[in-house]
Amino acid sequence: MFKIDPSRLDVVREFKARPFGEHSPELQYVLNYMRSRPVTQFEVLVMTDPGKRWVLAYMPTGGVDVPKMTNQTFDRLEDAEWHVFKLRWKDITGKDLPID
């Protein structure tokens, strides 16, 4: 089974520099794991103003299709994706990222 190595900050830097598009195999493994791990709820980004504003929300994994919105908003999708990446990293590794 794949495990994320918390010392692999190279993949973290790669994601921060380019959250969209083609990624190295190592980063793609990390992203695939982050997106498919078993959880009771997962992070989603809800666009509230087309192309201009996103809100972090949590979506339950069972039966209910209504996301629980937070007060965390983003004006850039890259910043929103980075925030979710950091949340998932901490959830999986138990460590905050030293990169901001």
PDB file of N, CA and C in Angstrom:
ATOM      1  N   MET A   1       0.840  -1.189   0.000  1.00  0.00           N
ATOM      2  CA  MET A   1       0.000   0.000   0.000  1.00  0.00           C
ATOM      3  C   MET A   1       0.879   1.244   0.000  1.00  0.00           C
ATOM      4  N   PHE A   2       0.456   2.254  -0.715  1.00  0.00           N
ATOM      5  CA  PHE A   2       1.190   3.512  -0.822  1.00  0.00           C
ATOM      6  C   PHE A   2       1.048   4.301   0.469  1.00  0.00           C
ATOM      7  N   LYS A   3       2.133   4.909   0.910  1.00  0.00           N
ATOM      8  CA  LYS A   3       2.132   5.803   2.065  1.00  0.00           C
ATOM      9  C   LYS A   3       2.828   7.092   1.689  1.00  0.00           C
ATOM     10  N   ILE A   4       2.344   8.191   2.212  1.00  0.00           N
ATOM     11  CA  ILE A   4       2.988   9.477   1.953  1.00  0.00           C
ATOM     12  C   ILE A   4       4.140   9.647   2.933  1.00  0.00           C
ATOM     13  N   ASP A   5       5.307   9.942   2.394  1.00  0.00           N
ATOM     14  CA  ASP A   5       6.489  10.205   3.208  1.00  0.00           C
ATOM     15  C   ASP A   5       6.510  11.693   3.530  1.00  0.00           C
ATOM     16  N   PRO A   6       6.322  12.063   4.821  1.00  0.00           N
ATOM     17  CA  PRO A   6       6.257  13.485   5.165  1.00  0.00           C
ATOM     18  C   PRO A   6       7.543  14.265   4.899  1.00  0.00           C
ATOM     19  N   SER A   7       8.641  13.566   4.653  1.00  0.00           N
ATOM     20  CA  SER A   7       9.900  14.261   4.359  1.00  0.00           C
ATOM     21  C   SER A   7      10.030  14.614   2.871  1.00  0.00           C
ATOM     22  N   ARG A   8       9.108  14.160   2.034  1.00  0.00           N
ATOM     23  CA  ARG A   8       9.181  14.408   0.590  1.00  0.00           C
ATOM     24  C   ARG A   8       8.627  15.780   0.236  1.00  0.00           C
ATOM     25  N   LEU A   9       9.332  16.808   0.690  1.00  0.00           N
ATOM     26  CA  LEU A   9       8.884  18.169   0.420  1.00  0.00           C
ATOM     27  C   LEU A   9       9.069  18.560  -1.037  1.00  0.00           C
ATOM     28  N   ASP A  10       9.813  17.760  -1.788  1.00  0.00           N
ATOM     29  CA  ASP A  10       9.967  18.037  -3.220  1.00  0.00           C
ATOM     30  C   ASP A  10       8.620  17.933  -3.932  1.00  0.00           C
ATOM     31  N   VAL A  11       7.790  16.952  -3.559  1.00  0.00           N
ATOM     32  CA  VAL A  11       6.482  16.842  -4.211  1.00  0.00           C
ATOM     33  C   VAL A  11       5.555  17.965  -3.759  1.00  0.00           C
ATOM     34  N   VAL A  12       5.727  18.418  -2.528  1.00  0.00           N
ATOM     35  CA  VAL A  12       4.943  19.549  -2.021  1.00  0.00           C
ATOM     36  C   VAL A  12       5.284  20.805  -2.816  1.00  0.00           C
ATOM     37  N   ARG A  13       6.573  21.056  -2.994  1.00  0.00           N
ATOM     38  CA  ARG A  13       7.001  22.241  -3.767  1.00  0.00           C
ATOM     39  C   ARG A  13       6.511  22.162  -5.211  1.00  0.00           C
ATOM     40  N   GLU A  14       6.533  20.954  -5.768  1.00  0.00           N
ATOM     41  CA  GLU A  14       6.050  20.777  -7.141  1.00  0.00           C
ATOM     42  C   GLU A  14       4.573  21.142  -7.242  1.00  0.00           C
ATOM     43  N   PHE A  15       3.767  20.681  -6.286  1.00  0.00           N
ATOM     44  CA  PHE A  15       2.346  21.000  -6.320  1.00  0.00           C
ATOM     45  C   PHE A  15       2.112  22.495  -6.145  1.00  0.00           C
ATOM     46  N   LYS A  16       2.819  23.095  -5.202  1.00  0.00           N
ATOM     47  CA  LYS A  16       2.647  24.535  -4.950  1.00  0.00           C
ATOM     48  C   LYS A  16       2.981  25.347  -6.203  1.00  0.00           C
ATOM     49  N   ALA A  17       4.042  24.958  -6.899  1.00  0.00           N
ATOM     50  CA  ALA A  17       4.467  25.675  -8.102  1.00  0.00           C
ATOM     51  C   ALA A  17       3.500  25.473  -9.264  1.00  0.00           C
ATOM     52  N   ARG A  18       2.887  24.284  -9.320  1.00  0.00           N
ATOM     53  CA  ARG A  18       1.991  23.994 -10.442  1.00  0.00           C
ATOM     54  C   ARG A  18       0.888  23.031  -9.999  1.00  0.00           C
ATOM     55  N   PRO A  19      -0.184  23.577  -9.427  1.00  0.00           N
ATOM     56  CA  PRO A  19      -1.249  22.703  -8.940  1.00  0.00           C
ATOM     57  C   PRO A  19      -2.084  22.057 -10.050  1.00  0.00           C
ATOM     58  N   PHE A  20      -2.020  22.599 -11.255  1.00  0.00           N
ATOM     59  CA  PHE A  20      -2.806  22.065 -12.365  1.00  0.00           C
ATOM     60  C   PHE A  20      -1.879  21.556 -13.456  1.00  0.00           C
ATOM     61  N   GLY A  21      -2.378  20.634 -14.246  1.00  0.00           N
ATOM     62  CA  GLY A  21      -1.593  20.113 -15.362  1.00  0.00           C
ATOM     63  C   GLY A  21      -0.907  18.814 -15.023  1.00  0.00           C
ATOM     64  N   GLU A  22       0.078  18.487 -15.810  1.00  0.00           N
ATOM     65  CA  GLU A  22       0.796  17.221 -15.654  1.00  0.00           C
ATOM     66  C   GLU A  22       1.750  17.304 -14.466  1.00  0.00           C
ATOM     67  N   HIS A  23       1.801  16.207 -13.701  1.00  0.00           N
ATOM     68  CA  HIS A  23       2.668  16.132 -12.529  1.00  0.00           C
ATOM     69  C   HIS A  23       3.624  14.952 -12.665  1.00  0.00           C
ATOM     70  N   SER A  24       4.684  14.999 -11.869  1.00  0.00           N
ATOM     71  CA  SER A  24       5.609  13.864 -11.818  1.00  0.00           C
ATOM     72  C   SER A  24       4.852  12.645 -11.286  1.00  0.00           C
ATOM     73  N   PRO A  25       5.343  11.444 -11.572  1.00  0.00           N
ATOM     74  CA  PRO A  25       4.681  10.248 -11.045  1.00  0.00           C
ATOM     75  C   PRO A  25       4.578  10.260  -9.517  1.00  0.00           C
ATOM     76  N   GLU A  26       5.609  10.760  -8.848  1.00  0.00           N
ATOM     77  CA  GLU A  26       5.590  10.792  -7.380  1.00  0.00           C
ATOM     78  C   GLU A  26       4.462  11.683  -6.857  1.00  0.00           C
ATOM     79  N   LEU A  27       4.332  12.875  -7.432  1.00  0.00           N
ATOM     80  CA  LEU A  27       3.261  13.768  -7.004  1.00  0.00           C
ATOM     81  C   LEU A  27       1.907  13.189  -7.379  1.00  0.00           C
ATOM     82  N   GLN A  28       1.798  12.589  -8.534  1.00  0.00           N
ATOM     83  CA  GLN A  28       0.511  12.019  -8.941  1.00  0.00           C
ATOM     84  C   GLN A  28       0.070  10.919  -7.982  1.00  0.00           C
ATOM     85  N   TYR A  29       1.014  10.102  -7.486  1.00  0.00           N
ATOM     86  CA  TYR A  29       0.676   9.080  -6.486  1.00  0.00           C
ATOM     87  C   TYR A  29       0.126   9.735  -5.222  1.00  0.00           C
ATOM     88  N   VAL A  30       0.783  10.811  -4.773  1.00  0.00           N
ATOM     89  CA  VAL A  30       0.330  11.525  -3.576  1.00  0.00           C
ATOM     90  C   VAL A  30      -1.081  12.063  -3.793  1.00  0.00           C
ATOM     91  N   LEU A  31      -1.320  12.718  -4.920  1.00  0.00           N
ATOM     92  CA  LEU A  31      -2.639  13.289  -5.200  1.00  0.00           C
ATOM     93  C   LEU A  31      -3.710  12.201  -5.302  1.00  0.00           C
ATOM     94  N   ASN A  32      -3.384  11.101  -5.969  1.00  0.00           N
ATOM     95  CA  ASN A  32      -4.347  10.010  -6.079  1.00  0.00           C
ATOM     96  C   ASN A  32      -4.714   9.467  -4.701  1.00  0.00           C
ATOM     97  N   TYR A  33      -3.721   9.311  -3.845  1.00  0.00           N
ATOM     98  CA  TYR A  33      -3.986   8.819  -2.497  1.00  0.00           C
ATOM     99  C   TYR A  33      -4.838   9.821  -1.712  1.00  0.00           C
ATOM    100  N   MET A  34      -4.473  11.102  -1.784  1.00  0.00           N
ATOM    101  CA  MET A  34      -5.225  12.129  -1.068  1.00  0.00           C
ATOM    102  C   MET A  34      -6.688  12.146  -1.498  1.00  0.00           C
ATOM    103  N   ARG A  35      -6.932  11.923  -2.752  1.00  0.00           N
ATOM    104  CA  ARG A  35      -8.289  12.028  -3.298  1.00  0.00           C
ATOM    105  C   ARG A  35      -9.111  10.759  -3.147  1.00  0.00           C
ATOM    106  N   SER A  36      -8.468   9.657  -2.788  1.00  0.00           N
ATOM    107  CA  SER A  36      -9.211   8.391  -2.742  1.00  0.00           C
ATOM    108  C   SER A  36      -9.168   7.708  -1.377  1.00  0.00           C
ATOM    109  N   ARG A  37      -8.532   8.324  -0.386  1.00  0.00           N
ATOM    110  CA  ARG A  37      -8.441   7.684   0.923  1.00  0.00           C
ATOM    111  C   ARG A  37      -9.819   7.637   1.575  1.00  0.00           C
ATOM    112  N   PRO A  38     -10.042   6.645   2.414  1.00  0.00           N
ATOM    113  CA  PRO A  38     -11.342   6.558   3.075  1.00  0.00           C
ATOM    114  C   PRO A  38     -11.481   7.618   4.171  1.00  0.00           C
ATOM    115  N   VAL A  39     -12.506   8.430   4.082  1.00  0.00           N
ATOM    116  CA  VAL A  39     -12.793   9.473   5.070  1.00  0.00           C
ATOM    117  C   VAL A  39     -14.302   9.554   5.264  1.00  0.00           C
ATOM    118  N   THR A  40     -14.728  10.188   6.352  1.00  0.00           N
ATOM    119  CA  THR A  40     -16.173  10.366   6.580  1.00  0.00           C
ATOM    120  C   THR A  40     -16.695  11.607   5.865  1.00  0.00           C
ATOM    121  N   GLN A  41     -15.795  12.548   5.569  1.00  0.00           N
ATOM    122  CA  GLN A  41     -16.147  13.718   4.780  1.00  0.00           C
ATOM    123  C   GLN A  41     -14.900  14.171   4.035  1.00  0.00           C
ATOM    124  N   PHE A  42     -15.096  14.809   2.919  1.00  0.00           N
ATOM    125  CA  PHE A  42     -13.947  15.289   2.169  1.00  0.00           C
ATOM    126  C   PHE A  42     -14.120  16.751   1.812  1.00  0.00           C
ATOM    127  N   GLU A  43     -12.986  17.394   1.584  1.00  0.00           N
ATOM    128  CA  GLU A  43     -12.961  18.811   1.270  1.00  0.00           C
ATOM    129  C   GLU A  43     -13.379  19.027  -0.177  1.00  0.00           C
ATOM    130  N   VAL A  44     -14.199  20.042  -0.385  1.00  0.00           N
ATOM    131  CA  VAL A  44     -14.580  20.446  -1.739  1.00  0.00           C
ATOM    132  C   VAL A  44     -14.480  21.960  -1.826  1.00  0.00           C
ATOM    133  N   LEU A  45     -14.325  22.450  -3.032  1.00  0.00           N
ATOM    134  CA  LEU A  45     -14.297  23.886  -3.282  1.00  0.00           C
ATOM    135  C   LEU A  45     -15.551  24.241  -4.065  1.00  0.00           C
ATOM    136  N   VAL A  46     -16.326  25.134  -3.514  1.00  0.00           N
ATOM    137  CA  VAL A  46     -17.574  25.552  -4.140  1.00  0.00           C
ATOM    138  C   VAL A  46     -17.369  26.946  -4.735  1.00  0.00           C
ATOM    139  N   MET A  47     -17.611  27.053  -6.053  1.00  0.00           N
ATOM    140  CA  MET A  47     -17.480  28.342  -6.710  1.00  0.00           C
ATOM    141  C   MET A  47     -18.750  29.154  -6.433  1.00  0.00           C
ATOM    142  N   THR A  48     -18.598  30.262  -5.744  1.00  0.00           N
ATOM    143  CA  THR A  48     -19.760  31.081  -5.391  1.00  0.00           C
ATOM    144  C   THR A  48     -19.914  32.301  -6.298  1.00  0.00           C
ATOM    145  N   ASP A  49     -18.842  32.683  -6.962  1.00  0.00           N
ATOM    146  CA  ASP A  49     -18.862  33.779  -7.932  1.00  0.00           C
ATOM    147  C   ASP A  49     -18.031  33.283  -9.106  1.00  0.00           C
ATOM    148  N   PRO A  50     -18.671  32.936 -10.224  1.00  0.00           N
ATOM    149  CA  PRO A  50     -17.981  32.258 -11.317  1.00  0.00           C
ATOM    150  C   PRO A  50     -16.620  32.864 -11.687  1.00  0.00           C
ATOM    151  N   GLY A  51     -15.590  32.037 -11.512  1.00  0.00           N
ATOM    152  CA  GLY A  51     -14.231  32.414 -11.854  1.00  0.00           C
ATOM    153  C   GLY A  51     -13.582  33.415 -10.924  1.00  0.00           C
ATOM    154  N   LYS A  52     -14.270  33.768  -9.826  1.00  0.00           N
ATOM    155  CA  LYS A  52     -13.749  34.827  -8.955  1.00  0.00           C
ATOM    156  C   LYS A  52     -13.656  34.453  -7.486  1.00  0.00           C
ATOM    157  N   ARG A  53     -14.516  33.562  -7.005  1.00  0.00           N
ATOM    158  CA  ARG A  53     -14.524  33.267  -5.573  1.00  0.00           C
ATOM    159  C   ARG A  53     -14.896  31.808  -5.343  1.00  0.00           C
ATOM    160  N   TRP A  54     -14.121  31.182  -4.433  1.00  0.00           N
ATOM    161  CA  TRP A  54     -14.351  29.796  -4.037  1.00  0.00           C
ATOM    162  C   TRP A  54     -14.459  29.733  -2.521  1.00  0.00           C
ATOM    163  N   VAL A  55     -15.273  28.818  -2.034  1.00  0.00           N
ATOM    164  CA  VAL A  55     -15.467  28.617  -0.601  1.00  0.00           C
ATOM    165  C   VAL A  55     -15.116  27.172  -0.278  1.00  0.00           C
ATOM    166  N   LEU A  56     -14.363  26.991   0.801  1.00  0.00           N
ATOM    167  CA  LEU A  56     -14.066  25.646   1.277  1.00  0.00           C
ATOM    168  C   LEU A  56     -15.318  25.085   1.927  1.00  0.00           C
ATOM    169  N   ALA A  57     -15.658  23.848   1.572  1.00  0.00           N
ATOM    170  CA  ALA A  57     -16.806  23.166   2.163  1.00  0.00           C
ATOM    171  C   ALA A  57     -16.420  21.715   2.430  1.00  0.00           C
ATOM    172  N   TYR A  58     -17.229  21.059   3.216  1.00  0.00           N
ATOM    173  CA  TYR A  58     -17.017  19.645   3.527  1.00  0.00           C
ATOM    174  C   TYR A  58     -18.241  18.862   3.077  1.00  0.00           C
ATOM    175  N   MET A  59     -17.982  17.782   2.352  1.00  0.00           N
ATOM    176  CA  MET A  59     -19.042  16.945   1.808  1.00  0.00           C
ATOM    177  C   MET A  59     -18.999  15.591   2.507  1.00  0.00           C
ATOM    178  N   PRO A  60     -20.107  15.199   3.122  1.00  0.00           N
ATOM    179  CA  PRO A  60     -20.144  13.867   3.732  1.00  0.00           C
ATOM    180  C   PRO A  60     -20.016  12.789   2.653  1.00  0.00           C
ATOM    181  N   THR A  61     -19.429  11.660   3.016  1.00  0.00           N
ATOM    182  CA  THR A  61     -19.238  10.591   2.035  1.00  0.00           C
ATOM    183  C   THR A  61     -20.422   9.649   1.934  1.00  0.00           C
ATOM    184  N   GLY A  62     -21.374   9.750   2.816  1.00  0.00           N
ATOM    185  CA  GLY A  62     -22.483   8.809   2.758  1.00  0.00           C
ATOM    186  C   GLY A  62     -23.835   9.452   2.616  1.00  0.00           C
ATOM    187  N   GLY A  63     -24.481   9.218   1.499  1.00  0.00           N
ATOM    188  CA  GLY A  63     -25.875   9.548   1.337  1.00  0.00           C
ATOM    189  C   GLY A  63     -26.269  11.006   1.178  1.00  0.00           C
ATOM    190  N   VAL A  64     -25.727  11.903   1.956  1.00  0.00           N
ATOM    191  CA  VAL A  64     -26.138  13.310   1.911  1.00  0.00           C
ATOM    192  C   VAL A  64     -25.298  14.047   0.876  1.00  0.00           C
ATOM    193  N   ASP A  65     -25.956  14.791   0.012  1.00  0.00           N
ATOM    194  CA  ASP A  65     -25.241  15.475  -1.071  1.00  0.00           C
ATOM    195  C   ASP A  65     -25.163  16.978  -0.868  1.00  0.00           C
ATOM    196  N   VAL A  66     -25.280  17.440   0.353  1.00  0.00           N
ATOM    197  CA  VAL A  66     -25.243  18.880   0.614  1.00  0.00           C
ATOM    198  C   VAL A  66     -23.946  19.215   1.336  1.00  0.00           C
ATOM    199  N   PRO A  67     -23.077  20.025   0.711  1.00  0.00           N
ATOM    200  CA  PRO A  67     -21.820  20.365   1.383  1.00  0.00           C
ATOM    201  C   PRO A  67     -22.050  21.338   2.536  1.00  0.00           C
ATOM    202  N   LYS A  68     -21.247  21.192   3.583  1.00  0.00           N
ATOM    203  CA  LYS A  68     -21.283  22.123   4.703  1.00  0.00           C
ATOM    204  C   LYS A  68     -20.262  23.218   4.413  1.00  0.00           C
ATOM    205  N   MET A  69     -20.751  24.419   4.164  1.00  0.00           N
ATOM    206  CA  MET A  69     -19.897  25.544   3.802  1.00  0.00           C
ATOM    207  C   MET A  69     -19.153  26.073   5.029  1.00  0.00           C
ATOM    208  N   THR A  70     -17.943  26.574   4.803  1.00  0.00           N
ATOM    209  CA  THR A  70     -17.163  27.222   5.850  1.00  0.00           C
ATOM    210  C   THR A  70     -17.102  28.718   5.548  1.00  0.00           C
ATOM    211  N   ASN A  71     -16.406  29.455   6.377  1.00  0.00           N
ATOM    212  CA  ASN A  71     -16.195  30.888   6.134  1.00  0.00           C
ATOM    213  C   ASN A  71     -14.893  31.149   5.382  1.00  0.00           C
ATOM    214  N   GLN A  72     -14.184  30.089   5.008  1.00  0.00           N
ATOM    215  CA  GLN A  72     -12.889  30.215   4.323  1.00  0.00           C
ATOM    216  C   GLN A  72     -13.133  30.458   2.832  1.00  0.00           C
ATOM    217  N   THR A  73     -12.782  31.650   2.351  1.00  0.00           N
ATOM    218  CA  THR A  73     -12.985  31.983   0.938  1.00  0.00           C
ATOM    219  C   THR A  73     -11.639  32.257   0.262  1.00  0.00           C
ATOM    220  N   PHE A  74     -11.657  32.124  -1.052  1.00  0.00           N
ATOM    221  CA  PHE A  74     -10.446  32.306  -1.859  1.00  0.00           C
ATOM    222  C   PHE A  74     -10.805  33.061  -3.132  1.00  0.00           C
ATOM    223  N   ASP A  75      -9.925  33.969  -3.515  1.00  0.00           N
ATOM    224  CA  ASP A  75     -10.116  34.721  -4.750  1.00  0.00           C
ATOM    225  C   ASP A  75      -9.357  34.106  -5.924  1.00  0.00           C
ATOM    226  N   ARG A  76      -8.496  33.155  -5.616  1.00  0.00           N
ATOM    227  CA  ARG A  76      -7.740  32.449  -6.667  1.00  0.00           C
ATOM    228  C   ARG A  76      -7.884  30.949  -6.444  1.00  0.00           C
ATOM    229  N   LEU A  77      -8.200  30.222  -7.498  1.00  0.00           N
ATOM    230  CA  LEU A  77      -8.353  28.774  -7.387  1.00  0.00           C
ATOM    231  C   LEU A  77      -7.051  28.109  -6.943  1.00  0.00           C
ATOM    232  N   GLU A  78      -5.911  28.649  -7.377  1.00  0.00           N
ATOM    233  CA  GLU A  78      -4.616  28.088  -6.969  1.00  0.00           C
ATOM    234  C   GLU A  78      -4.453  28.146  -5.447  1.00  0.00           C
ATOM    235  N   ASP A  79      -4.861  29.249  -4.840  1.00  0.00           N
ATOM    236  CA  ASP A  79      -4.767  29.380  -3.383  1.00  0.00           C
ATOM    237  C   ASP A  79      -5.713  28.404  -2.685  1.00  0.00           C
ATOM    238  N   ALA A  80      -6.890  28.213  -3.241  1.00  0.00           N
ATOM    239  CA  ALA A  80      -7.857  27.277  -2.669  1.00  0.00           C
ATOM    240  C   ALA A  80      -7.330  25.847  -2.738  1.00  0.00           C
ATOM    241  N   GLU A  81      -6.782  25.468  -3.875  1.00  0.00           N
ATOM    242  CA  GLU A  81      -6.232  24.113  -4.038  1.00  0.00           C
ATOM    243  C   GLU A  81      -5.047  23.886  -3.092  1.00  0.00           C
ATOM    244  N   TRP A  82      -4.210  24.894  -2.921  1.00  0.00           N
ATOM    245  CA  TRP A  82      -3.067  24.796  -2.015  1.00  0.00           C
ATOM    246  C   TRP A  82      -3.551  24.596  -0.580  1.00  0.00           C
ATOM    247  N   HIS A  83      -4.583  25.309  -0.194  1.00  0.00           N
ATOM    248  CA  HIS A  83      -5.144  25.184   1.153  1.00  0.00           C
ATOM    249  C   HIS A  83      -5.659  23.759   1.393  1.00  0.00           C
ATOM    250  N   VAL A  84      -6.388  23.218   0.435  1.00  0.00           N
ATOM    251  CA  VAL A  84      -6.906  21.856   0.563  1.00  0.00           C
ATOM    252  C   VAL A  84      -5.752  20.858   0.604  1.00  0.00           C
ATOM    253  N   PHE A  85      -4.732  21.060  -0.212  1.00  0.00           N
ATOM    254  CA  PHE A  85      -3.565  20.173  -0.202  1.00  0.00           C
ATOM    255  C   PHE A  85      -2.947  20.143   1.190  1.00  0.00           C
ATOM    256  N   LYS A  86      -2.779  21.313   1.805  1.00  0.00           N
ATOM    257  CA  LYS A  86      -2.181  21.377   3.147  1.00  0.00           C
ATOM    258  C   LYS A  86      -3.068  20.691   4.188  1.00  0.00           C
ATOM    259  N   LEU A  87      -4.382  20.864   4.089  1.00  0.00           N
ATOM    260  CA  LEU A  87      -5.294  20.192   5.020  1.00  0.00           C
ATOM    261  C   LEU A  87      -5.166  18.674   4.908  1.00  0.00           C
ATOM    262  N   ARG A  88      -5.154  18.180   3.684  1.00  0.00           N
ATOM    263  CA  ARG A  88      -5.066  16.734   3.472  1.00  0.00           C
ATOM    264  C   ARG A  88      -3.708  16.200   3.901  1.00  0.00           C
ATOM    265  N   TRP A  89      -2.643  16.953   3.632  1.00  0.00           N
ATOM    266  CA  TRP A  89      -1.300  16.539   4.043  1.00  0.00           C
ATOM    267  C   TRP A  89      -1.252  16.342   5.561  1.00  0.00           C
ATOM    268  N   LYS A  90      -1.769  17.324   6.286  1.00  0.00           N
ATOM    269  CA  LYS A  90      -1.754  17.235   7.750  1.00  0.00           C
ATOM    270  C   LYS A  90      -2.620  16.078   8.233  1.00  0.00           C
ATOM    271  N   ASP A  91      -3.774  15.894   7.629  1.00  0.00           N
ATOM    272  CA  ASP A  91      -4.660  14.811   8.018  1.00  0.00           C
ATOM    273  C   ASP A  91      -3.991  13.448   7.823  1.00  0.00           C
ATOM    274  N   ILE A  92      -3.258  13.302   6.744  1.00  0.00           N
ATOM    275  CA  ILE A  92      -2.637  12.011   6.419  1.00  0.00           C
ATOM    276  C   ILE A  92      -1.332  11.795   7.170  1.00  0.00           C
ATOM    277  N   THR A  93      -0.481  12.815   7.222  1.00  0.00           N
ATOM    278  CA  THR A  93       0.854  12.646   7.823  1.00  0.00           C
ATOM    279  C   THR A  93       0.911  13.040   9.283  1.00  0.00           C
ATOM    280  N   GLY A  94      -0.062  13.842   9.715  1.00  0.00           N
ATOM    281  CA  GLY A  94      -0.027  14.349  11.097  1.00  0.00           C
ATOM    282  C   GLY A  94       0.916  15.533  11.262  1.00  0.00           C
ATOM    283  N   LYS A  95       1.448  16.041  10.151  1.00  0.00           N
ATOM    284  CA  LYS A  95       2.418  17.135  10.212  1.00  0.00           C
ATOM    285  C   LYS A  95       1.963  18.324   9.369  1.00  0.00           C
ATOM    286  N   ASP A  96       2.158  19.525   9.953  1.00  0.00           N
ATOM    287  CA  ASP A  96       1.945  20.746   9.184  1.00  0.00           C
ATOM    288  C   ASP A  96       3.067  20.888   8.170  1.00  0.00           C
ATOM    289  N   LEU A  97       2.745  21.488   7.036  1.00  0.00           N
ATOM    290  CA  LEU A  97       3.777  21.743   6.040  1.00  0.00           C
ATOM    291  C   LEU A  97       4.591  22.969   6.442  1.00  0.00           C
ATOM    292  N   PRO A  98       5.921  22.890   6.329  1.00  0.00           N
ATOM    293  CA  PRO A  98       6.759  24.052   6.650  1.00  0.00           C
ATOM    294  C   PRO A  98       6.820  25.049   5.494  1.00  0.00           C
ATOM    295  N   ILE A  99       6.034  24.808   4.447  1.00  0.00           N
ATOM    296  CA  ILE A  99       6.029  25.652   3.255  1.00  0.00           C
ATOM    297  C   ILE A  99       4.690  26.371   3.206  1.00  0.00           C
ATOM    298  N   ASP A 100       4.749  27.686   2.978  1.00  0.00           N
ATOM    299  CA  ASP A 100       3.489  28.409   2.877  1.00  0.00           C
ATOM    300  C   ASP A 100       3.422  29.200   1.640  1.00  0.00           C
TER     301      ASP A 100
END
